[in-house]
Amino acid sequence: QVQLVESGGGLVQAGESLTLSCAASGRSFRSYEYVMGWFRQPPGKEREFVGGFSWSSGSTYYADSVEGRFTISRDNAKSIMYLLMNALKPEDTAVYYCAAADRFAWGTTRSADFGSWGQGTQVTVSS
């Protein structure tokens, strides 16, 4: 089982940037076995996919709504994944979650394919 802990949320103004962190741990955690994902849940709406990331290759894929503004990166030594969010918009306001899936789930955007989740961190973008 993988334990995931997000951090870095907060209140920012539109156009500003924010970086979220997701620290992964667990007795049996081996990063190369997982596809990681970022999801978000805006107030009153369903959880939605933001981006996916392969620990082993560093490859990424993103939702159209954030493509070009958000970037996923990693610190392998610390097993930390980052979500750099630039040019934030009020519609980016949500609780952001990181999640882990088996590496064979590469390319998925479905939350049901991710078996481990963090507790979430709130991001609020004011206009």
Foldseek 3Di string as FASTA:
>chain_A
DKAKAKDWADEEAAQAKTKMKIFIDDPPDDQQFKKKFKWWAAPPGDIWGAKIAGPVPRDMDGDPVQPPFWDWGDDVVRRMIMIMGGRDDQVVWTWMKMFIAGPVCPPDTDPVRTDYIHPTDTHGYHD
